């Protein structure tokens, strides 16, 4: 049985685009967080 791979992408502002990070990962499910601190 093979496990599920889960990815997490975070950008530090709403203006940033996470697409470049998403291109680099090979997972079944991705969670994206956009937050400004």
PDB file of N, CA and C in Angstrom:
ATOM      1  N   UNK A   1       0.840  -1.183   0.000  1.00  0.00           N
ATOM      2  CA  UNK A   1       0.000   0.000   0.000  1.00  0.00           C
ATOM      3  C   UNK A   1       0.882   1.243   0.000  1.00  0.00           C
ATOM      4  N   UNK A   2       0.530   2.196  -0.820  1.00  0.00           N
ATOM      5  CA  UNK A   2       1.316   3.420  -0.941  1.00  0.00           C
ATOM      6  C   UNK A   2       0.603   4.549  -0.208  1.00  0.00           C
ATOM      7  N   UNK A   3       1.377   5.376   0.510  1.00  0.00           N
ATOM      8  CA  UNK A   3       0.806   6.496   1.251  1.00  0.00           C
ATOM      9  C   UNK A   3       0.471   7.667   0.345  1.00  0.00           C
ATOM     10  N   UNK A   4      -0.310   8.575   0.877  1.00  0.00           N
ATOM     11  CA  UNK A   4      -0.690   9.774   0.141  1.00  0.00           C
ATOM     12  C   UNK A   4       0.310  10.879   0.429  1.00  0.00           C
ATOM     13  N   UNK A   5       0.725  11.594  -0.606  1.00  0.00           N
ATOM     14  CA  UNK A   5       1.649  12.722  -0.451  1.00  0.00           C
ATOM     15  C   UNK A   5       0.849  14.008  -0.426  1.00  0.00           C
ATOM     16  N   UNK A   6       1.091  14.815   0.595  1.00  0.00           N
ATOM     17  CA  UNK A   6       0.373  16.071   0.779  1.00  0.00           C
ATOM     18  C   UNK A   6       1.377  17.206   0.791  1.00  0.00           C
ATOM     19  N   UNK A   7       1.072  18.288   0.075  1.00  0.00           N
ATOM     20  CA  UNK A   7       1.958  19.445   0.017  1.00  0.00           C
ATOM     21  C   UNK A   7       1.335  20.657   0.680  1.00  0.00           C
ATOM     22  N   UNK A   8       2.194  21.570   1.117  1.00  0.00           N
ATOM     23  CA  UNK A   8       1.754  22.821   1.735  1.00  0.00           C
ATOM     24  C   UNK A   8       2.559  23.956   1.127  1.00  0.00           C
ATOM     25  N   UNK A   9       1.877  24.948   0.583  1.00  0.00           N
ATOM     26  CA  UNK A   9       2.523  26.094  -0.041  1.00  0.00           C
ATOM     27  C   UNK A   9       2.067  27.338   0.692  1.00  0.00           C
ATOM     28  N   UNK A  10       3.023  28.220   1.035  1.00  0.00           N
ATOM     29  CA  UNK A  10       2.682  29.451   1.741  1.00  0.00           C
ATOM     30  C   UNK A  10       3.368  30.626   1.079  1.00  0.00           C
ATOM     31  N   UNK A  11       2.610  31.686   0.871  1.00  0.00           N
ATOM     32  CA  UNK A  11       3.166  32.959   0.422  1.00  0.00           C
ATOM     33  C   UNK A  11       2.834  33.994   1.485  1.00  0.00           C
ATOM     34  N   UNK A  12       3.684  35.008   1.606  1.00  0.00           N
ATOM     35  CA  UNK A  12       3.557  35.935   2.727  1.00  0.00           C
ATOM     36  C   UNK A  12       2.663  37.135   2.458  1.00  0.00           C
ATOM     37  N   UNK A  13       2.148  37.262   1.252  1.00  0.00           N
ATOM     38  CA  UNK A  13       1.204  38.352   0.993  1.00  0.00           C
ATOM     39  C   UNK A  13       0.201  37.908  -0.065  1.00  0.00           C
ATOM     40  N   UNK A  14      -0.933  38.582  -0.085  1.00  0.00           N
ATOM     41  CA  UNK A  14      -1.978  38.221  -1.034  1.00  0.00           C
ATOM     42  C   UNK A  14      -1.585  38.548  -2.469  1.00  0.00           C
ATOM     43  N   UNK A  15      -0.614  39.442  -2.651  1.00  0.00           N
ATOM     44  CA  UNK A  15      -0.164  39.817  -3.991  1.00  0.00           C
ATOM     45  C   UNK A  15       0.753  38.770  -4.618  1.00  0.00           C
ATOM     46  N   UNK A  16       1.359  37.917  -3.807  1.00  0.00           N
ATOM     47  CA  UNK A  16       2.281  36.915  -4.330  1.00  0.00           C
ATOM     48  C   UNK A  16       1.506  35.742  -4.918  1.00  0.00           C
ATOM     49  N   UNK A  17       2.125  35.087  -5.893  1.00  0.00           N
ATOM     50  CA  UNK A  17       1.501  33.978  -6.589  1.00  0.00           C
ATOM     51  C   UNK A  17       2.236  32.680  -6.242  1.00  0.00           C
ATOM     52  N   UNK A  18       1.531  31.671  -5.736  1.00  0.00           N
ATOM     53  CA  UNK A  18       2.186  30.422  -5.340  1.00  0.00           C
ATOM     54  C   UNK A  18       2.461  29.466  -6.497  1.00  0.00           C
ATOM     55  N   UNK A  19       2.153  29.856  -7.729  1.00  0.00           N
ATOM     56  CA  UNK A  19       2.285  28.940  -8.863  1.00  0.00           C
ATOM     57  C   UNK A  19       3.694  28.389  -9.034  1.00  0.00           C
ATOM     58  N   UNK A  20       4.713  29.201  -8.802  1.00  0.00           N
ATOM     59  CA  UNK A  20       6.092  28.726  -8.972  1.00  0.00           C
ATOM     60  C   UNK A  20       6.415  27.610  -7.979  1.00  0.00           C
ATOM     61  N   UNK A  21       5.931  27.732  -6.761  1.00  0.00           N
ATOM     62  CA  UNK A  21       6.138  26.674  -5.776  1.00  0.00           C
ATOM     63  C   UNK A  21       5.345  25.423  -6.154  1.00  0.00           C
ATOM     64  N   UNK A  22       4.134  25.612  -6.660  1.00  0.00           N
ATOM     65  CA  UNK A  22       3.293  24.474  -7.020  1.00  0.00           C
ATOM     66  C   UNK A  22       3.888  23.667  -8.169  1.00  0.00           C
ATOM     67  N   UNK A  23       4.616  24.322  -9.074  1.00  0.00           N
ATOM     68  CA  UNK A  23       5.249  23.620 -10.196  1.00  0.00           C
ATOM     69  C   UNK A  23       6.325  22.651  -9.720  1.00  0.00           C
ATOM     70  N   UNK A  24       6.915  22.903  -8.568  1.00  0.00           N
ATOM     71  CA  UNK A  24       8.054  22.127  -8.094  1.00  0.00           C
ATOM     72  C   UNK A  24       7.674  20.907  -7.263  1.00  0.00           C
ATOM     73  N   UNK A  25       6.407  20.749  -6.914  1.00  0.00           N
ATOM     74  CA  UNK A  25       6.032  19.635  -6.051  1.00  0.00           C
ATOM     75  C   UNK A  25       5.173  18.634  -6.808  1.00  0.00           C
ATOM     76  N   UNK A  26       5.303  17.379  -6.452  1.00  0.00           N
ATOM     77  CA  UNK A  26       4.544  16.300  -7.069  1.00  0.00           C
ATOM     78  C   UNK A  26       3.785  15.575  -5.963  1.00  0.00           C
ATOM     79  N   UNK A  27       2.593  16.064  -5.681  1.00  0.00           N
ATOM     80  CA  UNK A  27       1.799  15.505  -4.591  1.00  0.00           C
ATOM     81  C   UNK A  27       0.361  15.296  -5.053  1.00  0.00           C
ATOM     82  N   UNK A  28      -0.400  14.542  -4.266  1.00  0.00           N
ATOM     83  CA  UNK A  28      -1.792  14.282  -4.591  1.00  0.00           C
ATOM     84  C   UNK A  28      -2.728  15.378  -4.127  1.00  0.00           C
ATOM     85  N   UNK A  29      -2.388  16.058  -3.042  1.00  0.00           N
ATOM     86  CA  UNK A  29      -3.246  17.088  -2.456  1.00  0.00           C
ATOM     87  C   UNK A  29      -2.379  18.248  -2.015  1.00  0.00           C
ATOM     88  N   UNK A  30      -2.812  19.487  -2.311  1.00  0.00           N
ATOM     89  CA  UNK A  30      -2.039  20.672  -1.956  1.00  0.00           C
ATOM     90  C   UNK A  30      -2.915  21.624  -1.151  1.00  0.00           C
ATOM     91  N   UNK A  31      -2.352  22.129  -0.064  1.00  0.00           N
ATOM     92  CA  UNK A  31      -2.991  23.169   0.726  1.00  0.00           C
ATOM     93  C   UNK A  31      -2.199  24.452   0.520  1.00  0.00           C
ATOM     94  N   UNK A  32      -2.893  25.556   0.244  1.00  0.00           N
ATOM     95  CA  UNK A  32      -2.240  26.838  -0.001  1.00  0.00           C
ATOM     96  C   UNK A  32      -2.686  27.841   1.047  1.00  0.00           C
ATOM     97  N   UNK A  33      -1.721  28.585   1.591  1.00  0.00           N
ATOM     98  CA  UNK A  33      -1.991  29.574   2.627  1.00  0.00           C
ATOM     99  C   UNK A  33      -1.465  30.916   2.159  1.00  0.00           C
ATOM    100  N   UNK A  34      -2.335  31.912   2.133  1.00  0.00           N
ATOM    101  CA  UNK A  34      -1.919  33.276   1.809  1.00  0.00           C
ATOM    102  C   UNK A  34      -2.200  34.125   3.031  1.00  0.00           C
ATOM    103  N   UNK A  35      -1.139  34.634   3.652  1.00  0.00           N
ATOM    104  CA  UNK A  35      -1.310  35.419   4.868  1.00  0.00           C
ATOM    105  C   UNK A  35      -0.296  36.538   4.907  1.00  0.00           C
ATOM    106  N   UNK A  36      -0.711  37.651   5.426  1.00  0.00           N
ATOM    107  CA  UNK A  36       0.179  38.786   5.603  1.00  0.00           C
ATOM    108  C   UNK A  36       0.435  38.968   7.081  1.00  0.00           C
ATOM    109  N   UNK A  37       1.684  39.060   7.451  1.00  0.00           N
ATOM    110  CA  UNK A  37       2.032  39.131   8.867  1.00  0.00           C
ATOM    111  C   UNK A  37       2.438  40.487   9.214  1.00  0.00           C
TER     112      UNK A  37
END
